[in-house]
Amino acid sequence: MTTEARDPQQPSAGVVTMARDGRLAGRWKLDPRASRVDFRVRHFWNAITVRGWFDQVEGEGTVEPDGTITGQLVMVAASLNTKNKQRDKHLRSADFFDADKHPHVVLTVRQAELTADGRLTAEGTLEAGGTAEPVTVTADVVEASAEAVTLRAELAVDRSRFGMTWSPLRMAAMQATGTVTARFIRVPVGNP
């Protein structure tokens, strides 16, 4: 699974230098008020798109002095919201996220680096419904300073790889697309 999102107005100038010279080194925490994880799936044989999001998202990351980045983004599976209570209940069931047994959807980044053009390329895993799959994520840097960084990425996921195959008459597509906007704020040294 790979992602790629391109924003021609990204503020890449200087972010690579800031990461490599150590100005971004330290711990970073997700700002849930300025972050969002959306998803969409084509339904009714591509006639409509079902859209939703996770109301509860948290995360953190670490930037090493050499610019290497690791981190995690955690979505509460029971917080998924499509504005349809019956559909949301079904999506939380064992047919999909199985939120009672597997309360979190987790994107773990084992290694990420800024490319020369200021984009973030990451390797890691996506875990949902009790299944973890390797992913490669490419994110645009939307905002970057010594105190806050905002990333935006789009992730195409084959939901059948996570055991989410429910689709009577094959009316729902197996590919789901997630869009992540994640704003991280530097954690002051000495804070837990």
N, C-alpha and C. Protein backbone atom coordinates (compact mmCIF):
# COMPACT_ATOMS: atom_id res chain seq x y z
N MET A 1 0.85 -1.17 0.00
CA MET A 1 0.00 0.00 0.00
C MET A 1 0.89 1.23 0.00
N THR A 2 0.57 2.17 -0.82
CA THR A 2 1.35 3.40 -0.86
C THR A 2 0.41 4.58 -0.85
N THR A 3 0.99 5.72 -0.51
CA THR A 3 0.21 6.94 -0.54
C THR A 3 1.01 7.98 -1.29
N GLU A 4 0.32 8.93 -1.82
CA GLU A 4 1.00 10.04 -2.42
C GLU A 4 0.04 11.20 -2.50
N ALA A 5 0.44 12.32 -1.96
CA ALA A 5 -0.35 13.54 -2.01
C ALA A 5 0.58 14.66 -2.39
N ARG A 6 0.21 15.44 -3.35
CA ARG A 6 1.07 16.54 -3.79
C ARG A 6 0.32 17.86 -3.64
N ASP A 7 0.97 18.81 -3.04
CA ASP A 7 0.42 20.15 -2.88
C ASP A 7 1.46 21.11 -3.41
N PRO A 8 1.19 21.75 -4.55
CA PRO A 8 2.19 22.62 -5.14
C PRO A 8 2.54 23.83 -4.29
N GLN A 9 1.76 24.13 -3.25
CA GLN A 9 2.04 25.29 -2.41
C GLN A 9 2.66 24.88 -1.08
N GLN A 10 3.24 23.69 -0.99
CA GLN A 10 3.81 23.23 0.28
C GLN A 10 5.00 24.09 0.68
N PRO A 11 5.18 24.33 1.98
CA PRO A 11 6.29 25.14 2.46
C PRO A 11 7.54 24.30 2.68
N SER A 12 8.07 23.72 1.59
CA SER A 12 9.21 22.82 1.74
C SER A 12 10.52 23.56 1.95
N ALA A 13 10.58 24.82 1.54
CA ALA A 13 11.82 25.56 1.69
C ALA A 13 12.22 25.65 3.15
N GLY A 14 13.37 25.14 3.45
CA GLY A 14 13.89 25.25 4.80
C GLY A 14 13.58 24.09 5.72
N VAL A 15 12.51 23.31 5.46
CA VAL A 15 12.15 22.25 6.38
C VAL A 15 13.20 21.14 6.38
N VAL A 16 13.79 20.85 5.23
CA VAL A 16 14.82 19.83 5.16
C VAL A 16 16.04 20.28 5.96
N THR A 17 16.41 21.53 5.80
CA THR A 17 17.54 22.07 6.56
C THR A 17 17.26 22.03 8.05
N MET A 18 16.03 22.39 8.47
CA MET A 18 15.68 22.38 9.88
C MET A 18 15.76 20.97 10.46
N ALA A 19 15.37 19.96 9.69
CA ALA A 19 15.43 18.58 10.18
C ALA A 19 16.88 18.11 10.27
N ARG A 20 17.66 18.43 9.26
CA ARG A 20 19.03 17.93 9.22
C ARG A 20 19.97 18.65 10.17
N ASP A 21 19.69 19.91 10.47
CA ASP A 21 20.59 20.62 11.39
C ASP A 21 20.15 20.49 12.85
N GLY A 22 19.09 19.70 13.09
CA GLY A 22 18.69 19.39 14.46
C GLY A 22 17.64 20.30 15.04
N ARG A 23 17.19 21.33 14.32
CA ARG A 23 16.19 22.24 14.88
C ARG A 23 14.84 21.58 15.12
N LEU A 24 14.55 20.48 14.42
CA LEU A 24 13.28 19.77 14.63
C LEU A 24 13.43 18.60 15.59
N ALA A 25 14.65 18.35 16.06
CA ALA A 25 14.89 17.21 16.95
C ALA A 25 14.09 17.35 18.24
N GLY A 26 13.55 16.23 18.71
CA GLY A 26 12.80 16.21 19.95
C GLY A 26 11.51 15.44 19.81
N ARG A 27 10.66 15.56 20.82
CA ARG A 27 9.37 14.88 20.85
C ARG A 27 8.28 15.82 20.36
N TRP A 28 7.32 15.25 19.65
CA TRP A 28 6.21 15.99 19.08
C TRP A 28 4.91 15.28 19.43
N LYS A 29 3.87 16.05 19.72
CA LYS A 29 2.56 15.48 20.09
C LYS A 29 1.51 16.00 19.12
N LEU A 30 0.60 15.12 18.73
CA LEU A 30 -0.47 15.50 17.82
C LEU A 30 -1.41 16.49 18.48
N ASP A 31 -1.78 17.53 17.76
CA ASP A 31 -2.79 18.47 18.20
C ASP A 31 -4.12 17.98 17.63
N PRO A 32 -4.96 17.29 18.43
CA PRO A 32 -6.18 16.70 17.87
C PRO A 32 -7.19 17.73 17.37
N ARG A 33 -7.12 18.96 17.89
CA ARG A 33 -8.06 20.00 17.43
C ARG A 33 -7.74 20.49 16.03
N ALA A 34 -6.49 20.32 15.61
CA ALA A 34 -6.07 20.80 14.28
C ALA A 34 -5.73 19.63 13.36
N SER A 35 -6.14 18.42 13.74
CA SER A 35 -5.84 17.22 12.96
C SER A 35 -7.13 16.50 12.61
N ARG A 36 -7.08 15.72 11.53
CA ARG A 36 -8.28 15.02 11.10
C ARG A 36 -7.88 13.79 10.29
N VAL A 37 -8.63 12.69 10.48
CA VAL A 37 -8.45 11.49 9.68
C VAL A 37 -9.80 11.16 9.05
N ASP A 38 -9.89 11.32 7.74
CA ASP A 38 -11.11 11.05 6.98
C ASP A 38 -10.93 9.78 6.17
N PHE A 39 -12.04 9.16 5.78
CA PHE A 39 -11.99 8.02 4.88
C PHE A 39 -13.16 8.08 3.92
N ARG A 40 -13.00 7.41 2.79
CA ARG A 40 -14.08 7.34 1.81
C ARG A 40 -13.99 6.01 1.06
N VAL A 41 -15.18 5.50 0.70
CA VAL A 41 -15.29 4.24 -0.03
C VAL A 41 -16.41 4.40 -1.06
N ARG A 42 -16.15 3.96 -2.28
CA ARG A 42 -17.19 3.98 -3.32
C ARG A 42 -18.20 2.87 -3.00
N HIS A 43 -19.50 3.17 -3.20
CA HIS A 43 -20.56 2.24 -2.83
C HIS A 43 -21.62 2.23 -3.91
N PHE A 44 -22.54 1.28 -3.82
CA PHE A 44 -23.59 1.10 -4.82
C PHE A 44 -23.00 1.10 -6.22
N TRP A 45 -22.03 0.18 -6.40
CA TRP A 45 -21.37 -0.02 -7.68
C TRP A 45 -20.84 1.30 -8.25
N ASN A 46 -20.14 2.03 -7.41
CA ASN A 46 -19.49 3.31 -7.75
C ASN A 46 -20.46 4.46 -7.98
N ALA A 47 -21.72 4.30 -7.63
CA ALA A 47 -22.69 5.39 -7.84
C ALA A 47 -22.56 6.48 -6.78
N ILE A 48 -22.15 6.09 -5.55
CA ILE A 48 -22.02 7.08 -4.49
C ILE A 48 -20.70 6.86 -3.75
N THR A 49 -20.31 7.85 -2.99
CA THR A 49 -19.14 7.74 -2.12
C THR A 49 -19.60 7.90 -0.68
N VAL A 50 -19.28 6.90 0.15
CA VAL A 50 -19.56 7.00 1.58
C VAL A 50 -18.34 7.64 2.22
N ARG A 51 -18.56 8.71 2.96
CA ARG A 51 -17.47 9.45 3.60
C ARG A 51 -17.64 9.42 5.11
N GLY A 52 -16.52 9.42 5.80
CA GLY A 52 -16.56 9.46 7.24
C GLY A 52 -15.23 9.93 7.81
N TRP A 53 -15.13 9.89 9.13
CA TRP A 53 -13.92 10.33 9.81
C TRP A 53 -13.89 9.69 11.19
N PHE A 54 -12.78 9.85 11.87
CA PHE A 54 -12.64 9.41 13.25
C PHE A 54 -12.68 10.64 14.14
N ASP A 55 -13.61 10.66 15.09
CA ASP A 55 -13.74 11.80 16.00
C ASP A 55 -12.61 11.87 17.02
N GLN A 56 -12.00 10.73 17.36
CA GLN A 56 -10.94 10.71 18.37
C GLN A 56 -9.64 10.22 17.75
N VAL A 57 -8.67 11.12 17.71
CA VAL A 57 -7.35 10.82 17.14
C VAL A 57 -6.29 11.36 18.08
N GLU A 58 -5.24 10.59 18.28
CA GLU A 58 -4.09 11.06 19.06
C GLU A 58 -2.83 10.54 18.39
N GLY A 59 -1.71 11.08 18.79
CA GLY A 59 -0.47 10.61 18.19
C GLY A 59 0.73 11.35 18.75
N GLU A 60 1.89 10.82 18.37
CA GLU A 60 3.14 11.43 18.79
C GLU A 60 4.23 11.02 17.82
N GLY A 61 5.32 11.74 17.89
CA GLY A 61 6.45 11.43 17.03
C GLY A 61 7.74 11.91 17.66
N THR A 62 8.84 11.40 17.13
CA THR A 62 10.16 11.80 17.58
C THR A 62 11.01 12.09 16.36
N VAL A 63 11.71 13.21 16.40
CA VAL A 63 12.68 13.55 15.36
C VAL A 63 14.05 13.46 16.00
N GLU A 64 14.88 12.58 15.46
CA GLU A 64 16.25 12.41 15.97
C GLU A 64 17.14 13.54 15.45
N PRO A 65 18.27 13.79 16.11
CA PRO A 65 19.17 14.86 15.66
C PRO A 65 19.61 14.72 14.20
N ASP A 66 19.65 13.48 13.67
CA ASP A 66 20.04 13.29 12.27
C ASP A 66 18.88 13.47 11.31
N GLY A 67 17.67 13.78 11.83
CA GLY A 67 16.51 14.01 10.98
C GLY A 67 15.62 12.80 10.79
N THR A 68 16.01 11.63 11.32
CA THR A 68 15.17 10.43 11.23
C THR A 68 13.92 10.61 12.10
N ILE A 69 12.79 10.18 11.58
CA ILE A 69 11.51 10.41 12.24
C ILE A 69 10.80 9.08 12.49
N THR A 70 10.23 8.91 13.69
CA THR A 70 9.37 7.77 14.01
C THR A 70 8.12 8.34 14.67
N GLY A 71 7.05 7.54 14.69
CA GLY A 71 5.85 8.04 15.35
C GLY A 71 4.67 7.11 15.21
N GLN A 72 3.56 7.58 15.74
CA GLN A 72 2.35 6.78 15.74
C GLN A 72 1.13 7.69 15.72
N LEU A 73 0.13 7.28 14.95
CA LEU A 73 -1.15 7.96 14.89
C LEU A 73 -2.20 6.93 15.29
N VAL A 74 -3.02 7.24 16.30
CA VAL A 74 -3.98 6.29 16.84
C VAL A 74 -5.39 6.86 16.71
N MET A 75 -6.26 6.10 16.04
CA MET A 75 -7.66 6.47 15.90
C MET A 75 -8.49 5.52 16.75
N VAL A 76 -9.46 6.04 17.48
CA VAL A 76 -10.37 5.21 18.26
C VAL A 76 -11.42 4.67 17.31
N ALA A 77 -11.44 3.34 17.12
CA ALA A 77 -12.33 2.73 16.13
C ALA A 77 -13.80 3.05 16.41
N ALA A 78 -14.20 3.08 17.67
CA ALA A 78 -15.59 3.36 18.01
C ALA A 78 -15.99 4.80 17.75
N SER A 79 -15.02 5.66 17.44
CA SER A 79 -15.33 7.07 17.18
C SER A 79 -15.58 7.35 15.70
N LEU A 80 -15.56 6.29 14.85
CA LEU A 80 -15.80 6.56 13.44
C LEU A 80 -17.19 7.11 13.25
N ASN A 81 -17.34 8.01 12.28
CA ASN A 81 -18.57 8.75 12.12
C ASN A 81 -18.83 8.98 10.63
N THR A 82 -19.97 8.46 10.14
CA THR A 82 -20.38 8.72 8.75
C THR A 82 -21.69 9.51 8.69
N LYS A 83 -22.14 9.99 9.85
CA LYS A 83 -23.41 10.70 9.99
C LYS A 83 -24.61 9.79 9.73
N ASN A 84 -24.42 8.47 9.92
CA ASN A 84 -25.51 7.51 9.76
C ASN A 84 -25.33 6.48 10.88
N LYS A 85 -26.15 6.56 11.92
CA LYS A 85 -25.96 5.72 13.12
C LYS A 85 -25.99 4.23 12.81
N GLN A 86 -26.91 3.81 11.94
CA GLN A 86 -27.01 2.39 11.61
C GLN A 86 -25.74 1.92 10.88
N ARG A 87 -25.29 2.70 9.91
CA ARG A 87 -24.06 2.34 9.18
C ARG A 87 -22.86 2.36 10.12
N ASP A 88 -22.78 3.38 11.00
CA ASP A 88 -21.65 3.46 11.93
C ASP A 88 -21.61 2.24 12.85
N LYS A 89 -22.78 1.79 13.32
CA LYS A 89 -22.84 0.61 14.17
C LYS A 89 -22.32 -0.61 13.40
N HIS A 90 -22.70 -0.72 12.14
CA HIS A 90 -22.23 -1.85 11.32
C HIS A 90 -20.72 -1.76 11.08
N LEU A 91 -20.21 -0.57 10.80
CA LEU A 91 -18.77 -0.42 10.57
C LEU A 91 -17.95 -0.74 11.82
N ARG A 92 -18.54 -0.53 13.00
CA ARG A 92 -17.84 -0.86 14.25
C ARG A 92 -17.93 -2.35 14.59
N SER A 93 -18.78 -3.08 13.88
CA SER A 93 -19.02 -4.51 14.18
C SER A 93 -17.88 -5.38 13.66
N ALA A 94 -18.00 -6.69 13.91
CA ALA A 94 -16.99 -7.66 13.48
C ALA A 94 -16.89 -7.75 11.96
N ASP A 95 -17.88 -7.28 11.21
CA ASP A 95 -17.79 -7.27 9.74
C ASP A 95 -16.71 -6.31 9.24
N PHE A 96 -16.37 -5.32 10.08
CA PHE A 96 -15.40 -4.32 9.66
C PHE A 96 -14.33 -4.12 10.74
N PHE A 97 -14.43 -3.05 11.52
CA PHE A 97 -13.36 -2.70 12.47
C PHE A 97 -13.34 -3.55 13.73
N ASP A 98 -14.43 -4.22 14.06
CA ASP A 98 -14.53 -5.05 15.26
C ASP A 98 -14.04 -4.24 16.48
N ALA A 99 -14.64 -3.08 16.65
CA ALA A 99 -14.17 -2.10 17.65
C ALA A 99 -14.20 -2.62 19.08
N ASP A 100 -15.08 -3.56 19.39
CA ASP A 100 -15.11 -4.10 20.76
C ASP A 100 -13.83 -4.88 21.07
N LYS A 101 -13.35 -5.65 20.12
CA LYS A 101 -12.13 -6.45 20.32
C LYS A 101 -10.86 -5.68 19.95
N HIS A 102 -10.97 -4.77 19.00
CA HIS A 102 -9.81 -4.04 18.50
C HIS A 102 -10.14 -2.54 18.51
N PRO A 103 -10.00 -1.91 19.67
CA PRO A 103 -10.50 -0.54 19.85
C PRO A 103 -9.74 0.55 19.09
N HIS A 104 -8.57 0.23 18.54
CA HIS A 104 -7.79 1.28 17.89
C HIS A 104 -7.39 0.89 16.47
N VAL A 105 -7.34 1.90 15.62
CA VAL A 105 -6.72 1.80 14.30
C VAL A 105 -5.41 2.56 14.45
N VAL A 106 -4.30 1.90 14.14
CA VAL A 106 -2.99 2.49 14.45
C VAL A 106 -2.10 2.52 13.21
N LEU A 107 -1.61 3.71 12.92
CA LEU A 107 -0.59 3.88 11.89
C LEU A 107 0.73 4.11 12.62
N THR A 108 1.65 3.16 12.50
CA THR A 108 2.95 3.25 13.16
C THR A 108 4.01 3.52 12.11
N VAL A 109 4.79 4.55 12.32
CA VAL A 109 5.89 4.90 11.42
C VAL A 109 7.18 4.46 12.08
N ARG A 110 7.84 3.48 11.46
CA ARG A 110 9.10 2.98 12.00
C ARG A 110 10.27 3.85 11.57
N GLN A 111 10.17 4.40 10.38
CA GLN A 111 11.25 5.23 9.87
C GLN A 111 10.67 6.19 8.84
N ALA A 112 11.01 7.44 8.98
CA ALA A 112 10.57 8.44 8.00
C ALA A 112 11.68 9.46 7.83
N GLU A 113 11.78 9.96 6.63
CA GLU A 113 12.78 10.98 6.34
C GLU A 113 12.19 12.02 5.41
N LEU A 114 12.70 13.22 5.51
CA LEU A 114 12.32 14.26 4.57
C LEU A 114 13.15 14.10 3.32
N THR A 115 12.48 14.15 2.18
CA THR A 115 13.18 14.08 0.91
C THR A 115 13.71 15.47 0.56
N ALA A 116 14.55 15.54 -0.45
CA ALA A 116 15.16 16.82 -0.83
C ALA A 116 14.12 17.88 -1.19
N ASP A 117 12.95 17.45 -1.68
CA ASP A 117 11.91 18.41 -2.05
C ASP A 117 11.00 18.77 -0.87
N GLY A 118 11.34 18.29 0.35
CA GLY A 118 10.59 18.67 1.54
C GLY A 118 9.37 17.82 1.81
N ARG A 119 9.26 16.67 1.15
CA ARG A 119 8.15 15.76 1.43
C ARG A 119 8.63 14.71 2.42
N LEU A 120 7.69 14.17 3.18
CA LEU A 120 8.01 13.14 4.17
C LEU A 120 7.68 11.78 3.57
N THR A 121 8.66 10.89 3.56
CA THR A 121 8.45 9.52 3.09
C THR A 121 8.63 8.61 4.30
N ALA A 122 7.63 7.76 4.56
CA ALA A 122 7.63 6.94 5.77
C ALA A 122 7.33 5.48 5.45
N GLU A 123 7.95 4.60 6.22
CA GLU A 123 7.69 3.16 6.17
C GLU A 123 7.12 2.76 7.52
N GLY A 124 6.11 1.90 7.52
CA GLY A 124 5.54 1.47 8.78
C GLY A 124 4.46 0.44 8.60
N THR A 125 3.52 0.43 9.54
CA THR A 125 2.41 -0.51 9.49
C THR A 125 1.10 0.21 9.78
N LEU A 126 0.03 -0.33 9.21
CA LEU A 126 -1.32 0.10 9.53
C LEU A 126 -2.02 -1.10 10.15
N GLU A 127 -2.58 -0.91 11.35
CA GLU A 127 -3.29 -1.98 12.03
C GLU A 127 -4.74 -1.58 12.19
N ALA A 128 -5.63 -2.49 11.74
CA ALA A 128 -7.08 -2.26 11.86
C ALA A 128 -7.76 -3.61 11.98
N GLY A 129 -8.74 -3.71 12.85
CA GLY A 129 -9.48 -4.95 13.02
C GLY A 129 -8.62 -6.12 13.43
N GLY A 130 -7.50 -5.87 14.07
CA GLY A 130 -6.63 -6.93 14.53
C GLY A 130 -5.61 -7.42 13.51
N THR A 131 -5.55 -6.78 12.36
CA THR A 131 -4.59 -7.16 11.32
C THR A 131 -3.67 -5.99 11.04
N ALA A 132 -2.38 -6.27 10.95
CA ALA A 132 -1.39 -5.23 10.63
C ALA A 132 -0.79 -5.51 9.25
N GLU A 133 -0.68 -4.48 8.44
CA GLU A 133 -0.12 -4.58 7.10
C GLU A 133 0.95 -3.50 6.91
N PRO A 134 2.01 -3.82 6.18
CA PRO A 134 3.03 -2.80 5.90
C PRO A 134 2.48 -1.70 5.00
N VAL A 135 2.93 -0.48 5.23
CA VAL A 135 2.52 0.65 4.39
C VAL A 135 3.72 1.55 4.11
N THR A 136 3.64 2.22 2.99
CA THR A 136 4.56 3.30 2.66
C THR A 136 3.71 4.54 2.52
N VAL A 137 4.08 5.59 3.21
CA VAL A 137 3.30 6.82 3.21
C VAL A 137 4.18 7.97 2.74
N THR A 138 3.65 8.77 1.83
CA THR A 138 4.32 10.00 1.42
C THR A 138 3.41 11.15 1.78
N ALA A 139 3.93 12.08 2.56
CA ALA A 139 3.10 13.20 3.03
C ALA A 139 3.70 14.53 2.60
N ASP A 140 2.84 15.48 2.36
CA ASP A 140 3.27 16.84 2.09
C ASP A 140 3.41 17.58 3.41
N VAL A 141 4.42 18.39 3.51
CA VAL A 141 4.59 19.27 4.66
C VAL A 141 3.80 20.54 4.34
N VAL A 142 2.71 20.75 5.08
CA VAL A 142 1.82 21.88 4.84
C VAL A 142 2.28 23.11 5.62
N GLU A 143 2.81 22.86 6.81
CA GLU A 143 3.30 23.94 7.69
C GLU A 143 4.52 23.39 8.40
N ALA A 144 5.53 24.22 8.56
CA ALA A 144 6.72 23.77 9.29
C ALA A 144 7.40 24.95 9.97
N SER A 145 7.59 24.80 11.27
CA SER A 145 8.37 25.75 12.05
C SER A 145 9.08 24.95 13.13
N ALA A 146 9.86 25.61 13.94
CA ALA A 146 10.54 24.92 15.03
C ALA A 146 9.57 24.46 16.11
N GLU A 147 8.32 24.94 16.09
CA GLU A 147 7.34 24.60 17.13
C GLU A 147 6.13 23.81 16.64
N ALA A 148 5.86 23.79 15.34
CA ALA A 148 4.69 23.08 14.82
C ALA A 148 4.95 22.61 13.39
N VAL A 149 4.46 21.41 13.10
CA VAL A 149 4.57 20.84 11.75
C VAL A 149 3.22 20.23 11.40
N THR A 150 2.70 20.54 10.22
CA THR A 150 1.46 19.95 9.75
C THR A 150 1.77 19.15 8.49
N LEU A 151 1.30 17.90 8.49
CA LEU A 151 1.49 16.99 7.37
C LEU A 151 0.15 16.62 6.78
N ARG A 152 0.12 16.36 5.47
CA ARG A 152 -1.10 15.89 4.82
C ARG A 152 -0.73 14.73 3.91
N ALA A 153 -1.46 13.63 4.04
CA ALA A 153 -1.20 12.45 3.22
C ALA A 153 -2.51 11.78 2.85
N GLU A 154 -2.47 11.05 1.75
CA GLU A 154 -3.61 10.25 1.34
C GLU A 154 -3.13 8.80 1.23
N LEU A 155 -3.91 7.89 1.78
CA LEU A 155 -3.52 6.49 1.87
C LEU A 155 -4.61 5.61 1.25
N ALA A 156 -4.25 4.87 0.19
CA ALA A 156 -5.17 3.93 -0.43
C ALA A 156 -5.00 2.58 0.26
N VAL A 157 -6.10 1.99 0.72
CA VAL A 157 -6.05 0.75 1.49
C VAL A 157 -7.00 -0.27 0.87
N ASP A 158 -6.50 -1.48 0.64
CA ASP A 158 -7.34 -2.60 0.23
C ASP A 158 -7.93 -3.18 1.51
N ARG A 159 -9.18 -2.89 1.80
CA ARG A 159 -9.78 -3.29 3.07
C ARG A 159 -9.87 -4.80 3.22
N SER A 160 -9.83 -5.55 2.12
CA SER A 160 -9.87 -7.01 2.23
C SER A 160 -8.62 -7.55 2.93
N ARG A 161 -7.51 -6.83 2.87
CA ARG A 161 -6.28 -7.26 3.55
C ARG A 161 -6.42 -7.17 5.06
N PHE A 162 -7.45 -6.48 5.54
CA PHE A 162 -7.71 -6.36 6.96
C PHE A 162 -8.93 -7.19 7.37
N GLY A 163 -9.36 -8.08 6.47
CA GLY A 163 -10.50 -8.94 6.75
C GLY A 163 -11.84 -8.25 6.65
N MET A 164 -11.88 -7.06 6.07
CA MET A 164 -13.12 -6.29 5.94
C MET A 164 -13.70 -6.50 4.55
N THR A 165 -14.25 -7.70 4.33
CA THR A 165 -14.70 -8.07 2.99
C THR A 165 -16.21 -8.00 2.81
N TRP A 166 -16.94 -7.64 3.85
CA TRP A 166 -18.40 -7.61 3.76
C TRP A 166 -18.82 -6.67 2.64
N SER A 167 -19.60 -7.21 1.69
CA SER A 167 -20.11 -6.40 0.58
C SER A 167 -21.10 -7.23 -0.21
N PRO A 168 -22.36 -7.28 0.21
CA PRO A 168 -23.36 -8.05 -0.54
C PRO A 168 -23.41 -7.60 -1.99
N LEU A 169 -23.44 -8.56 -2.87
CA LEU A 169 -23.50 -8.31 -4.31
C LEU A 169 -22.34 -7.45 -4.81
N ARG A 170 -21.27 -7.40 -4.01
CA ARG A 170 -20.07 -6.61 -4.36
C ARG A 170 -20.39 -5.15 -4.67
N MET A 171 -21.34 -4.60 -3.92
CA MET A 171 -21.71 -3.21 -4.19
C MET A 171 -20.77 -2.19 -3.59
N ALA A 172 -19.93 -2.59 -2.62
CA ALA A 172 -18.97 -1.65 -2.03
C ALA A 172 -17.57 -2.01 -2.52
N ALA A 173 -16.83 -1.01 -2.89
CA ALA A 173 -15.46 -1.22 -3.37
C ALA A 173 -14.58 -1.75 -2.26
N MET A 174 -13.58 -2.54 -2.60
CA MET A 174 -12.62 -3.04 -1.62
C MET A 174 -11.58 -1.97 -1.28
N GLN A 175 -11.38 -1.02 -2.17
CA GLN A 175 -10.41 0.03 -1.87
C GLN A 175 -11.07 1.16 -1.10
N ALA A 176 -10.44 1.50 0.02
CA ALA A 176 -10.85 2.66 0.81
C ALA A 176 -9.70 3.66 0.74
N THR A 177 -10.03 4.92 0.84
CA THR A 177 -9.01 5.96 0.82
C THR A 177 -9.09 6.76 2.09
N GLY A 178 -7.95 6.89 2.76
CA GLY A 178 -7.87 7.70 3.96
C GLY A 178 -7.10 8.98 3.68
N THR A 179 -7.55 10.07 4.23
CA THR A 179 -6.85 11.34 4.12
C THR A 179 -6.52 11.81 5.53
N VAL A 180 -5.24 12.03 5.76
CA VAL A 180 -4.77 12.42 7.09
C VAL A 180 -4.21 13.84 7.04
N THR A 181 -4.71 14.70 7.92
CA THR A 181 -4.10 16.00 8.16
C THR A 181 -3.68 15.97 9.62
N ALA A 182 -2.38 15.99 9.85
CA ALA A 182 -1.86 15.83 11.21
C ALA A 182 -0.96 17.00 11.57
N ARG A 183 -1.36 17.72 12.62
CA ARG A 183 -0.56 18.84 13.11
C ARG A 183 0.12 18.42 14.40
N PHE A 184 1.43 18.47 14.40
CA PHE A 184 2.22 18.09 15.57
C PHE A 184 2.84 19.33 16.20
N ILE A 185 2.81 19.37 17.51
CA ILE A 185 3.38 20.48 18.29
C ILE A 185 4.54 19.95 19.10
N ARG A 186 5.60 20.71 19.15
CA ARG A 186 6.79 20.28 19.91
C ARG A 186 6.46 20.15 21.39
N VAL A 187 6.94 19.07 21.99
CA VAL A 187 6.79 18.86 23.43
C VAL A 187 8.00 19.49 24.10
N PRO A 188 7.78 20.45 24.99
CA PRO A 188 8.93 21.08 25.66
C PRO A 188 9.79 20.05 26.39
N VAL A 189 11.09 20.26 26.38
CA VAL A 189 12.01 19.36 27.07
C VAL A 189 11.63 19.30 28.54
N GLY A 190 11.59 18.08 29.09
CA GLY A 190 11.24 17.90 30.50
C GLY A 190 9.78 17.59 30.72
N ASN A 191 8.91 17.76 29.68
CA ASN A 191 7.49 17.41 29.83
C ASN A 191 7.30 15.93 29.52
N PRO A 192 6.37 15.28 30.22
CA PRO A 192 6.13 13.85 29.96
C PRO A 192 5.45 13.64 28.62
